[in-house]
Structure formats: C-alpha cells, structure tokens
C-alpha atoms as a PDB file:
ATOM      1  CA  UNK A   1      10.699 -14.587 -11.770  1.00  0.00           C
ATOM      2  CA  UNK A   2       7.369 -14.904  -9.974  1.00  0.00           C
ATOM      3  CA  UNK A   3       6.515 -12.267  -7.370  1.00  0.00           C
ATOM      4  CA  UNK A   4       6.257 -13.662  -3.839  1.00  0.00           C
ATOM      5  CA  UNK A   5       6.790 -12.555  -0.266  1.00  0.00           C
ATOM      6  CA  UNK A   6       8.432 -15.194   1.918  1.00  0.00           C
ATOM      7  CA  UNK A   7       8.396 -14.782   5.709  1.00  0.00           C
ATOM      8  CA  UNK A   8       9.851 -16.266   8.878  1.00  0.00           C
ATOM      9  CA  UNK A   9      11.581 -19.616   9.044  1.00  0.00           C
ATOM     10  CA  UNK A  10      10.144 -22.567   7.208  1.00  0.00           C
ATOM     11  CA  UNK A  11       7.757 -25.025   8.836  1.00  0.00           C
ATOM     12  CA  UNK A  12       9.292 -28.074  10.507  1.00  0.00           C
ATOM     13  CA  UNK A  13       8.451 -30.319   7.569  1.00  0.00           C
ATOM     14  CA  UNK A  14      10.394 -28.039   5.211  1.00  0.00           C
ATOM     15  CA  UNK A  15      13.377 -27.978   7.566  1.00  0.00           C
ATOM     16  CA  UNK A  16      13.295 -31.767   7.702  1.00  0.00           C
ATOM     17  CA  UNK A  17      13.168 -31.875   3.919  1.00  0.00           C
ATOM     18  CA  UNK A  18      16.158 -29.542   3.868  1.00  0.00           C
ATOM     19  CA  UNK A  19      18.074 -31.882   6.171  1.00  0.00           C
ATOM     20  CA  UNK A  20      17.230 -34.922   4.036  1.00  0.00           C
ATOM     21  CA  UNK A  21      18.334 -33.186   0.849  1.00  0.00           C
ATOM     22  CA  UNK A  22      21.553 -32.021   2.465  1.00  0.00           C
ATOM     23  CA  UNK A  23      22.317 -35.538   3.693  1.00  0.00           C
ATOM     24  CA  UNK A  24      21.799 -36.888   0.192  1.00  0.00           C
ATOM     25  CA  UNK A  25      24.259 -34.389  -1.196  1.00  0.00           C
ATOM     26  CA  UNK A  26      26.856 -34.848   1.560  1.00  0.00           C
ATOM     27  CA  UNK A  27      28.310 -37.883   3.308  1.00  0.00           C
ATOM     28  CA  UNK A  28      28.131 -36.009   6.618  1.00  0.00           C
ATOM     29  CA  UNK A  29      24.710 -35.344   8.161  1.00  0.00           C
ATOM     30  CA  UNK A  30      23.496 -31.766   8.448  1.00  0.00           C
ATOM     31  CA  UNK A  31      23.908 -30.317  11.932  1.00  0.00           C
ATOM     32  CA  UNK A  32      21.153 -28.209  13.534  1.00  0.00           C
ATOM     33  CA  UNK A  33      23.352 -25.125  13.140  1.00  0.00           C
ATOM     34  CA  UNK A  34      23.794 -25.831   9.409  1.00  0.00           C
ATOM     35  CA  UNK A  35      20.067 -26.375   9.009  1.00  0.00           C
ATOM     36  CA  UNK A  36      19.225 -23.076  10.726  1.00  0.00           C
ATOM     37  CA  UNK A  37      21.823 -21.204   8.665  1.00  0.00           C
ATOM     38  CA  UNK A  38      20.538 -22.731   5.428  1.00  0.00           C
ATOM     39  CA  UNK A  39      16.963 -21.788   6.279  1.00  0.00           C
ATOM     40  CA  UNK A  40      17.923 -18.221   7.157  1.00  0.00           C
ATOM     41  CA  UNK A  41      20.015 -17.967   3.999  1.00  0.00           C
ATOM     42  CA  UNK A  42      17.107 -19.228   1.928  1.00  0.00           C
ATOM     43  CA  UNK A  43      14.791 -16.690   3.560  1.00  0.00           C
ATOM     44  CA  UNK A  44      17.290 -13.883   2.935  1.00  0.00           C
ATOM     45  CA  UNK A  45      17.680 -14.919  -0.710  1.00  0.00           C
ATOM     46  CA  UNK A  46      13.910 -14.722  -1.167  1.00  0.00           C
ATOM     47  CA  UNK A  47      13.912 -11.304   0.508  1.00  0.00           C
ATOM     48  CA  UNK A  48      16.531  -9.937  -1.901  1.00  0.00           C
ATOM     49  CA  UNK A  49      14.556 -11.324  -4.842  1.00  0.00           C
ATOM     50  CA  UNK A  50      11.323  -9.945  -3.359  1.00  0.00           C
ATOM     51  CA  UNK A  51      12.817  -6.442  -3.319  1.00  0.00           C
ATOM     52  CA  UNK A  52      12.881  -6.548  -7.114  1.00  0.00           C
ATOM     53  CA  UNK A  53       9.316  -7.805  -7.314  1.00  0.00           C
ATOM     54  CA  UNK A  54       7.968  -5.179  -4.937  1.00  0.00           C
ATOM     55  CA  UNK A  55       9.764  -2.574  -7.055  1.00  0.00           C
ATOM     56  CA  UNK A  56       8.006  -3.923 -10.147  1.00  0.00           C
ATOM     57  CA  UNK A  57       4.606  -3.732  -8.456  1.00  0.00           C
ATOM     58  CA  UNK A  58       5.171  -0.132  -7.372  1.00  0.00           C
ATOM     59  CA  UNK A  59       6.506   0.979 -10.747  1.00  0.00           C
ATOM     60  CA  UNK A  60       3.484  -0.541 -12.436  1.00  0.00           C
ATOM     61  CA  UNK A  61       1.505   2.415 -11.086  1.00  0.00           C
ATOM     62  CA  UNK A  62       3.763   4.725 -13.092  1.00  0.00           C
ATOM     63  CA  UNK A  63       4.510   2.853 -16.318  1.00  0.00           C
ATOM     64  CA  UNK A  64       1.591   0.469 -16.926  1.00  0.00           C
ATOM     65  CA  UNK A  65      -1.181   2.871 -17.884  1.00  0.00           C
ATOM     66  CA  UNK A  66      -4.731   2.694 -16.570  1.00  0.00           C
ATOM     67  CA  UNK A  67      -6.085  -0.670 -17.685  1.00  0.00           C
ATOM     68  CA  UNK A  68      -6.903  -3.536 -15.347  1.00  0.00           C
ATOM     69  CA  UNK A  69      -7.528  -7.166 -16.269  1.00  0.00           C
ATOM     70  CA  UNK A  70      -8.082  -8.573 -12.791  1.00  0.00           C
ATOM     71  CA  UNK A  71     -10.228  -7.874  -9.717  1.00  0.00           C
ATOM     72  CA  UNK A  72      -8.557  -4.617  -8.684  1.00  0.00           C
ATOM     73  CA  UNK A  73     -10.196  -1.252  -9.346  1.00  0.00           C
ATOM     74  CA  UNK A  74      -8.238   1.711 -10.740  1.00  0.00           C
ATOM     75  CA  UNK A  75      -9.637   5.229 -10.325  1.00  0.00           C
ATOM     76  CA  UNK A  76      -8.344   8.735 -10.995  1.00  0.00           C
ATOM     77  CA  UNK A  77      -8.859  12.048  -9.213  1.00  0.00           C
ATOM     78  CA  UNK A  78      -9.244  14.238 -11.156  1.00  0.00           C
ATOM     79  CA  UNK A  79      -8.347  12.744 -14.513  1.00  0.00           C
ATOM     80  CA  UNK A  80      -5.434  10.753 -15.926  1.00  0.00           C
ATOM     81  CA  UNK A  81      -4.730  13.558 -18.394  1.00  0.00           C
ATOM     82  CA  UNK A  82      -4.676  16.344 -15.787  1.00  0.00           C
ATOM     83  CA  UNK A  83      -1.588  16.990 -13.629  1.00  0.00           C
ATOM     84  CA  UNK A  84      -1.308  16.532 -10.802  1.00  0.00           C
ATOM     85  CA  UNK A  85      -3.786  13.697 -10.340  1.00  0.00           C
ATOM     86  CA  UNK A  86      -4.161  10.797  -7.932  1.00  0.00           C
ATOM     87  CA  UNK A  87      -4.218   7.193  -9.173  1.00  0.00           C
ATOM     88  CA  UNK A  88      -5.707   4.744  -6.671  1.00  0.00           C
ATOM     89  CA  UNK A  89      -5.349   1.014  -7.166  1.00  0.00           C
ATOM     90  CA  UNK A  90      -7.860  -0.670  -4.865  1.00  0.00           C
ATOM     91  CA  UNK A  91      -7.578  -4.411  -4.236  1.00  0.00           C
ATOM     92  CA  UNK A  92     -10.571  -4.369  -1.907  1.00  0.00           C
ATOM     93  CA  UNK A  93     -10.730  -7.004   0.805  1.00  0.00           C
ATOM     94  CA  UNK A  94      -8.763  -9.455  -1.318  1.00  0.00           C
ATOM     95  CA  UNK A  95      -7.832  -9.679  -4.988  1.00  0.00           C
ATOM     96  CA  UNK A  96      -5.800 -12.511  -6.526  1.00  0.00           C
ATOM     97  CA  UNK A  97      -3.918 -11.301  -9.585  1.00  0.00           C
ATOM     98  CA  UNK A  98      -2.630 -13.079 -12.660  1.00  0.00           C
ATOM     99  CA  UNK A  99       0.614 -13.697 -10.764  1.00  0.00           C
ATOM    100  CA  UNK A 100      -1.257 -15.837  -8.217  1.00  0.00           C
ATOM    101  CA  UNK A 101      -0.661 -13.382  -5.362  1.00  0.00           C
ATOM    102  CA  UNK A 102      -3.543 -12.102  -3.233  1.00  0.00           C
ATOM    103  CA  UNK A 103      -3.418  -8.412  -2.316  1.00  0.00           C
ATOM    104  CA  UNK A 104      -5.789  -6.175  -0.392  1.00  0.00           C
ATOM    105  CA  UNK A 105      -5.971  -2.494   0.467  1.00  0.00           C
ATOM    106  CA  UNK A 106      -4.807   0.382  -1.702  1.00  0.00           C
ATOM    107  CA  UNK A 107      -1.736   1.732  -3.470  1.00  0.00           C
ATOM    108  CA  UNK A 108      -2.183   5.486  -3.861  1.00  0.00           C
ATOM    109  CA  UNK A 109       0.003   7.352  -6.344  1.00  0.00           C
ATOM    110  CA  UNK A 110       0.068  11.115  -6.781  1.00  0.00           C
ATOM    111  CA  UNK A 111       1.240  11.747 -10.347  1.00  0.00           C
ATOM    112  CA  UNK A 112       2.761  15.199 -10.712  1.00  0.00           C
ATOM    113  CA  UNK A 113       3.797  15.214 -14.374  1.00  0.00           C
ATOM    114  CA  UNK A 114       3.749  13.230 -17.601  1.00  0.00           C
ATOM    115  CA  UNK A 115       6.988  11.251 -17.795  1.00  0.00           C
ATOM    116  CA  UNK A 116       6.966  11.565 -21.585  1.00  0.00           C
ATOM    117  CA  UNK A 117       7.186  15.377 -21.547  1.00  0.00           C
ATOM    118  CA  UNK A 118       8.638  16.288 -18.135  1.00  0.00           C
ATOM    119  CA  UNK A 119      12.110  17.786 -17.934  1.00  0.00           C
ATOM    120  CA  UNK A 120      15.152  16.189 -16.306  1.00  0.00           C
ATOM    121  CA  UNK A 121      14.980  16.079 -12.520  1.00  0.00           C
ATOM    122  CA  UNK A 122      11.190  16.387 -12.339  1.00  0.00           C
ATOM    123  CA  UNK A 123       9.478  14.409  -9.585  1.00  0.00           C
ATOM    124  CA  UNK A 124       6.983  12.319 -11.505  1.00  0.00           C
ATOM    125  CA  UNK A 125       5.127  10.568  -8.716  1.00  0.00           C
ATOM    126  CA  UNK A 126       4.928   9.527  -5.081  1.00  0.00           C
ATOM    127  CA  UNK A 127       3.267   6.306  -3.951  1.00  0.00           C
ATOM    128  CA  UNK A 128       1.957   5.558  -0.473  1.00  0.00           C
ATOM    129  CA  UNK A 129      -0.038   2.641   0.913  1.00  0.00           C
ATOM    130  CA  UNK A 130      -3.388   2.441   2.689  1.00  0.00           C
ATOM    131  CA  UNK A 131      -3.884  -0.761   4.709  1.00  0.00           C
ATOM    132  CA  UNK A 132      -2.058  -2.546   1.887  1.00  0.00           C
ATOM    133  CA  UNK A 133      -1.220  -6.247   2.185  1.00  0.00           C
ATOM    134  CA  UNK A 134       0.513  -8.750  -0.053  1.00  0.00           C
ATOM    135  CA  UNK A 135      -0.521 -12.092   1.344  1.00  0.00           C
ATOM    136  CA  UNK A 136      -0.405 -11.564   5.099  1.00  0.00           C
ATOM    137  CA  UNK A 137       2.349  -8.949   4.898  1.00  0.00           C
ATOM    138  CA  UNK A 138       1.494  -5.299   5.542  1.00  0.00           C
ATOM    139  CA  UNK A 139       3.521  -2.881   3.397  1.00  0.00           C
ATOM    140  CA  UNK A 140       4.055   0.744   4.403  1.00  0.00           C
ATOM    141  CA  UNK A 141       6.434   3.470   3.225  1.00  0.00           C
ATOM    142  CA  UNK A 142       6.941   5.671   0.181  1.00  0.00           C
ATOM    143  CA  UNK A 143       8.165   5.303  -3.398  1.00  0.00           C
ATOM    144  CA  UNK A 144       9.230   8.427  -5.292  1.00  0.00           C
ATOM    145  CA  UNK A 145       9.962   8.458  -9.023  1.00  0.00           C
ATOM    146  CA  UNK A 146      11.946  11.111 -10.911  1.00  0.00           C
ATOM    147  CA  UNK A 147      13.096  11.755 -14.459  1.00  0.00           C
ATOM    148  CA  UNK A 148      16.742  10.747 -14.257  1.00  0.00           C
ATOM    149  CA  UNK A 149      19.431  13.212 -15.300  1.00  0.00           C
ATOM    150  CA  UNK A 150      20.618  10.866 -18.066  1.00  0.00           C
ATOM    151  CA  UNK A 151      17.153  10.692 -19.623  1.00  0.00           C
ATOM    152  CA  UNK A 152      16.639  12.265 -23.051  1.00  0.00           C
ATOM    153  CA  UNK A 153      13.918  12.747 -25.632  1.00  0.00           C
ATOM    154  CA  UNK A 154      14.925   9.462 -27.230  1.00  0.00           C
ATOM    155  CA  UNK A 155      15.608   7.463 -24.053  1.00  0.00           C
ATOM    156  CA  UNK A 156      13.315   7.588 -21.043  1.00  0.00           C
ATOM    157  CA  UNK A 157      15.030   6.755 -17.749  1.00  0.00           C
ATOM    158  CA  UNK A 158      13.079   6.816 -14.496  1.00  0.00           C
ATOM    159  CA  UNK A 159      14.760   6.916 -11.080  1.00  0.00           C
ATOM    160  CA  UNK A 160      12.890   5.146  -8.285  1.00  0.00           C
ATOM    161  CA  UNK A 161      13.756   5.877  -4.640  1.00  0.00           C
ATOM    162  CA  UNK A 162      11.915   3.548  -2.271  1.00  0.00           C
ATOM    163  CA  UNK A 163      11.736   3.056   1.478  1.00  0.00           C
ATOM    164  CA  UNK A 164       9.378   0.313   2.586  1.00  0.00           C
ATOM    165  CA  UNK A 165       8.626  -1.611   5.759  1.00  0.00           C
ATOM    166  CA  UNK A 166       7.073  -5.071   5.620  1.00  0.00           C
ATOM    167  CA  UNK A 167       5.384  -6.342   8.779  1.00  0.00           C
ATOM    168  CA  UNK A 168       4.009  -9.846   9.305  1.00  0.00           C
ATOM    169  CA  UNK A 169       0.897 -10.616  11.297  1.00  0.00           C
ATOM    170  CA  UNK A 170       3.050 -11.693  14.253  1.00  0.00           C
ATOM    171  CA  UNK A 171       4.987  -8.416  14.314  1.00  0.00           C
ATOM    172  CA  UNK A 172       8.247  -9.415  12.637  1.00  0.00           C
ATOM    173  CA  UNK A 173       9.681  -6.790  10.312  1.00  0.00           C
ATOM    174  CA  UNK A 174      11.632  -6.508   7.084  1.00  0.00           C
ATOM    175  CA  UNK A 175      12.976  -3.279   5.636  1.00  0.00           C
ATOM    176  CA  UNK A 176      13.351  -3.056   1.856  1.00  0.00           C
ATOM    177  CA  UNK A 177      14.976   0.105   0.490  1.00  0.00           C
ATOM    178  CA  UNK A 178      16.737   1.054  -2.686  1.00  0.00           C
ATOM    179  CA  UNK A 179      17.443   3.288  -5.659  1.00  0.00           C
ATOM    180  CA  UNK A 180      16.860   1.819  -9.095  1.00  0.00           C
ATOM    181  CA  UNK A 181      16.859   3.125 -12.665  1.00  0.00           C
ATOM    182  CA  UNK A 182      14.259   2.017 -15.209  1.00  0.00           C
ATOM    183  CA  UNK A 183      15.416   2.624 -18.788  1.00  0.00           C
ATOM    184  CA  UNK A 184      12.834   2.002 -21.499  1.00  0.00           C
ATOM    185  CA  UNK A 185      14.522   0.013 -24.238  1.00  0.00           C
ATOM    186  CA  UNK A 186      11.484  -0.689 -26.432  1.00  0.00           C
ATOM    187  CA  UNK A 187       7.788   0.088 -26.711  1.00  0.00           C
ATOM    188  CA  UNK A 188       6.014   3.353 -26.085  1.00  0.00           C
ATOM    189  CA  UNK A 189       3.618   2.891 -28.981  1.00  0.00           C
ATOM    190  CA  UNK A 190       0.442   2.124 -27.026  1.00  0.00           C
ATOM    191  CA  UNK A 191      -1.551   4.212 -24.567  1.00  0.00           C
ATOM    192  CA  UNK A 192      -1.525   1.483 -21.921  1.00  0.00           C
ATOM    193  CA  UNK A 193       2.179   0.764 -22.550  1.00  0.00           C
ATOM    194  CA  UNK A 194       1.824  -3.005 -22.455  1.00  0.00           C
ATOM    195  CA  UNK A 195       4.513  -3.266 -25.147  1.00  0.00           C
ATOM    196  CA  UNK A 196       7.093  -1.383 -23.043  1.00  0.00           C
ATOM    197  CA  UNK A 197      10.254  -3.190 -21.954  1.00  0.00           C
ATOM    198  CA  UNK A 198      12.558  -1.771 -19.274  1.00  0.00           C
ATOM    199  CA  UNK A 199      16.201  -2.342 -18.436  1.00  0.00           C
ATOM    200  CA  UNK A 200      16.726  -2.019 -14.672  1.00  0.00           C
ATOM    201  CA  UNK A 201      19.922  -1.184 -12.822  1.00  0.00           C
ATOM    202  CA  UNK A 202      20.551  -0.080  -9.256  1.00  0.00           C
ATOM    203  CA  UNK A 203      20.766  -1.448  -5.733  1.00  0.00           C
ATOM    204  CA  UNK A 204      18.649  -2.432  -2.737  1.00  0.00           C
ATOM    205  CA  UNK A 205      19.346  -3.123   0.924  1.00  0.00           C
ATOM    206  CA  UNK A 206      17.485  -4.188   4.018  1.00  0.00           C
ATOM    207  CA  UNK A 207      17.313  -6.115   7.249  1.00  0.00           C
ATOM    208  CA  UNK A 208      15.047  -8.696   8.818  1.00  0.00           C
ATOM    209  CA  UNK A 209      14.036  -8.615  12.467  1.00  0.00           C
ATOM    210  CA  UNK A 210      12.647 -11.840  13.925  1.00  0.00           C
ATOM    211  CA  UNK A 211      11.385 -12.089  17.500  1.00  0.00           C
ATOM    212  CA  UNK A 212      12.707  -8.600  18.237  1.00  0.00           C
ATOM    213  CA  UNK A 213      16.292  -9.189  17.069  1.00  0.00           C
ATOM    214  CA  UNK A 214      17.974  -8.413  13.733  1.00  0.00           C
ATOM    215  CA  UNK A 215      18.933 -11.749  12.197  1.00  0.00           C
ATOM    216  CA  UNK A 216      19.685 -10.890   8.565  1.00  0.00           C
ATOM    217  CA  UNK A 217      21.128  -7.883   6.749  1.00  0.00           C
ATOM    218  CA  UNK A 218      21.594  -7.806   2.977  1.00  0.00           C
ATOM    219  CA  UNK A 219      22.464  -5.676  -0.022  1.00  0.00           C
ATOM    220  CA  UNK A 220      21.892  -6.392  -3.707  1.00  0.00           C
ATOM    221  CA  UNK A 221      23.361  -4.806  -6.808  1.00  0.00           C
ATOM    222  CA  UNK A 222      22.412  -5.302 -10.432  1.00  0.00           C
ATOM    223  CA  UNK A 223      25.136  -7.073 -12.392  1.00  0.00           C
ATOM    224  CA  UNK A 224      26.678  -4.263 -14.464  1.00  0.00           C
ATOM    225  CA  UNK A 225      27.329  -6.677 -17.339  1.00  0.00           C
ATOM    226  CA  UNK A 226      23.896  -8.261 -17.224  1.00  0.00           C
ATOM    227  CA  UNK A 227      21.181  -5.704 -16.339  1.00  0.00           C
ATOM    228  CA  UNK A 228      17.722  -6.899 -15.390  1.00  0.00           C
ATOM    229  CA  UNK A 229      15.020  -6.902 -18.094  1.00  0.00           C
ATOM    230  CA  UNK A 230      11.339  -6.405 -17.177  1.00  0.00           C
ATOM    231  CA  UNK A 231       8.602  -6.343 -19.844  1.00  0.00           C
ATOM    232  CA  UNK A 232       5.422  -4.628 -18.666  1.00  0.00           C
ATOM    233  CA  UNK A 233       3.452  -7.491 -20.242  1.00  0.00           C
ATOM    234  CA  UNK A 234       5.119 -10.144 -18.036  1.00  0.00           C
ATOM    235  CA  UNK A 235       4.694 -10.717 -14.293  1.00  0.00           C
ATOM    236  CA  UNK A 236       8.317 -11.843 -14.055  1.00  0.00           C
ATOM    237  CA  UNK A 237      11.743 -10.348 -14.505  1.00  0.00           C
ATOM    238  CA  UNK A 238      12.858 -12.276 -17.533  1.00  0.00           C
ATOM    239  CA  UNK A 239      16.585 -11.666 -17.878  1.00  0.00           C
ATOM    240  CA  UNK A 240      19.615 -10.222 -16.104  1.00  0.00           C
ATOM    241  CA  UNK A 241      21.243 -10.879 -12.741  1.00  0.00           C
ATOM    242  CA  UNK A 242      21.813  -9.424  -9.288  1.00  0.00           C
ATOM    243  CA  UNK A 243      24.726  -9.890  -6.908  1.00  0.00           C
ATOM    244  CA  UNK A 244      23.684 -10.252  -3.276  1.00  0.00           C
ATOM    245  CA  UNK A 245      25.754  -9.820  -0.110  1.00  0.00           C
ATOM    246  CA  UNK A 246      24.145 -11.487   2.918  1.00  0.00           C
ATOM    247  CA  UNK A 247      25.088 -11.367   6.574  1.00  0.00           C
ATOM    248  CA  UNK A 248      23.358 -13.728   8.979  1.00  0.00           C
ATOM    249  CA  UNK A 249      23.836 -12.649  12.584  1.00  0.00           C
ATOM    250  CA  UNK A 250      22.159 -15.524  14.418  1.00  0.00           C
ATOM    251  CA  UNK A 251      24.451 -17.710  16.526  1.00  0.00           C
ATOM    252  CA  UNK A 252      27.513 -15.838  15.245  1.00  0.00           C
ATOM    253  CA  UNK A 253      28.051 -13.949  12.010  1.00  0.00           C
ATOM    254  CA  UNK A 254      28.064 -15.725   8.647  1.00  0.00           C
ATOM    255  CA  UNK A 255      28.696 -13.915   5.350  1.00  0.00           C
ATOM    256  CA  UNK A 256      27.605 -15.119   1.931  1.00  0.00           C
ATOM    257  CA  UNK A 257      27.897 -13.861  -1.650  1.00  0.00           C
ATOM    258  CA  UNK A 258      25.260 -14.907  -4.166  1.00  0.00           C
ATOM    259  CA  UNK A 259      24.694 -14.474  -7.881  1.00  0.00           C
ATOM    260  CA  UNK A 260      21.041 -14.738  -8.923  1.00  0.00           C
ATOM    261  CA  UNK A 261      20.412 -14.921 -12.686  1.00  0.00           C
ATOM    262  CA  UNK A 262      16.846 -14.515 -13.957  1.00  0.00           C
ATOM    263  CA  UNK A 263      17.406 -16.405 -17.198  1.00  0.00           C
ATOM    264  CA  UNK A 264      17.374 -16.069 -20.966  1.00  0.00           C
ATOM    265  CA  UNK A 265      14.326 -13.896 -21.557  1.00  0.00           C
ATOM    266  CA  UNK A 266      11.546 -16.420 -20.958  1.00  0.00           C
ATOM    267  CA  UNK A 267       8.542 -15.198 -18.966  1.00  0.00           C
ATOM    268  CA  UNK A 268       8.787 -17.676 -16.072  1.00  0.00           C
ATOM    269  CA  UNK A 269       9.853 -18.032 -12.432  1.00  0.00           C
ATOM    270  CA  UNK A 270      12.992 -20.071 -13.175  1.00  0.00           C
ATOM    271  CA  UNK A 271      16.413 -18.693 -12.231  1.00  0.00           C
ATOM    272  CA  UNK A 272      19.908 -19.934 -11.448  1.00  0.00           C
ATOM    273  CA  UNK A 273      21.709 -19.332  -8.161  1.00  0.00           C
ATOM    274  CA  UNK A 274      25.329 -19.697  -7.111  1.00  0.00           C
ATOM    275  CA  UNK A 275      26.728 -19.170  -3.602  1.00  0.00           C
ATOM    276  CA  UNK A 276      30.269 -18.032  -2.766  1.00  0.00           C
ATOM    277  CA  UNK A 277      31.408 -18.643  -6.335  1.00  0.00           C
ATOM    278  CA  UNK A 278      30.072 -22.192  -6.484  1.00  0.00           C
ATOM    279  CA  UNK A 279      28.441 -23.874  -9.459  1.00  0.00           C
ATOM    280  CA  UNK A 280      25.151 -22.319 -10.540  1.00  0.00           C
ATOM    281  CA  UNK A 281      22.045 -24.424  -9.866  1.00  0.00           C
ATOM    282  CA  UNK A 282      18.643 -24.031 -11.482  1.00  0.00           C
ATOM    283  CA  UNK A 283      15.949 -22.986  -9.016  1.00  0.00           C
ATOM    284  CA  UNK A 284      12.328 -21.913  -8.986  1.00  0.00           C
ATOM    285  CA  UNK A 285      11.599 -18.761  -7.028  1.00  0.00           C
ATOM    286  CA  UNK A 286      10.670 -18.482  -4.280  1.00  0.00           C
ATOM    287  CA  UNK A 287      12.833 -21.140  -2.630  1.00  0.00           C
ATOM    288  CA  UNK A 288      10.868 -23.600  -0.521  1.00  0.00           C
ATOM    289  CA  UNK A 289      13.841 -25.806   0.309  1.00  0.00           C
ATOM    290  CA  UNK A 290      17.546 -25.264   0.051  1.00  0.00           C
ATOM    291  CA  UNK A 291      18.854 -26.631  -3.278  1.00  0.00           C
ATOM    292  CA  UNK A 292      22.563 -26.146  -2.593  1.00  0.00           C
ATOM    293  CA  UNK A 293      24.703 -27.769   0.082  1.00  0.00           C
ATOM    294  CA  UNK A 294      26.497 -25.389   2.448  1.00  0.00           C
END
C-alpha cells in the first residue's frame, strides 16, 4: 500500500464522478445525502489506512538503520553506537521520497538503547516532530517504542505507542493514535536492516474534525488471522488485513464495518476492500473516488 495523507472532502469534480459511478452501478440516482456519506466514508477509509503508513514512517527511525537514498539528511548526536543518542531526519524545505510523497521539517528520535540487546520492557526510543509536514499536513505528537514483554533473544518484538495530531493548512484536525506490535520474522543480517521483515498486529483509533465539528470517528484492528506484513525494503504494506469500524456523525449517525486487505505479498499500492460484509473489490490506495455502491 502506498503511503498518502488524504484530507477534507473531495473536489466537486470528484464528487460528480462519484455520483456518475454510483448511477452506473444502481438504477436509482445517488442522492446528495448518499454522495456526502460516500465521500466521508472514503475519506475515513483513507485515514484508517494512513494510520498504518504513518506508523511505518515513524518506525523507520527505529528499525531502518542510518542510510538514506533520497534527499533527506540523517545525523546523529553523539554517535549511532553510543546510547542514548539523538537521530534527526531532516527533510529540509521539501524532500520527495521514493514513495512519491513530499515531506519537510524534522523527525527527531532519542534512542535510549539498542533493541538487539536491551531487556524486556526497556524504552527504546521516543520520536517528536519539528515543523514536520507530509504534503500540506502538519504532524505533531509523540511515538514511544519499547521492547515488548513477549520479545526474546530469538524473536524481537517492538511495542509502539503513538499519539499524533494532523492539522491541515485550513485548521481542520485529525487524531491518529494507537498501540502496535512489530515482530521481526526475518532479516537482521545487515547493519542497515534493509532485509528485515516485520509482522504487525495491534489497533489504532482517531477522529476527524472538519469546520470545527467532529464528523468521523474510527477504530481499526489487525485481522488476527491475517497479520500485516511490512518489509523494510518496501514502501508499502504488502500483506495482511485490518478491520475498520467507522462512525460518520454528519447529518445523523451512520455506522460501517470494513475489511481492508493489503494483498498477496506484492510490493504495490493495490488492496481489496469490502463494506458491511459485501463482496470485496480491488482498489488502489488512496481512494480518489468511491468504488463501491452504498
């Protein structure tokens, strides 16, 4: 899945496209209320998917080593091999990565201990943000990483506890919070850890405030039978699924259940999505128009 931060409702042309597609799929025309609900639902779906991508970006500062192949600059104070040390990833005034996303500002991570030798329960790192933007979205908050209690010498499991606030340039706000567990299932043989592959389980939750009013609340949970797979070498989550509960509170309350499946292991942005137990449809993330009729 390709990292992306969606925001606000879609432009009028996209809403019109949504209406046309819905009319093609249904004999009855789409009402304005249906169109608004579909657009909000699409935005909320992207938000739930974005939570996973933001998590991947933050965890990169812990698990991806110290190499950089794009326009960002990575520095250490004092040294990567001395604990504690500070790792600063500086995107400057604008840096477009291999994932096609432009970031600016800094992610600053204080690394307290080596995750390969630290004991259970140790706080490994804490990440904060300095004037950090993904696209036009300002991200603030903290991400703390610990050695999970189920970790062992043979199996590294990291626990990430994150509380983030995303603010658009017009003042609208999303909250993205969660606790997730990163279990290394292969790799560990290189210094920069580009061969590492992680199995991710856990949950996220948040809300979206538009024009001063909460319009969407959501929770997501990794499918226990199909955990998410994230190779360090890939910009996408390549396998696994999440179950999402969405509540849209605009013009009355509407509840939806979604199942988002990242695929078969291919490094791409293709996924499948089903709503309220309906048939799964192939999609490309992020959603720019609604592919499923309501």
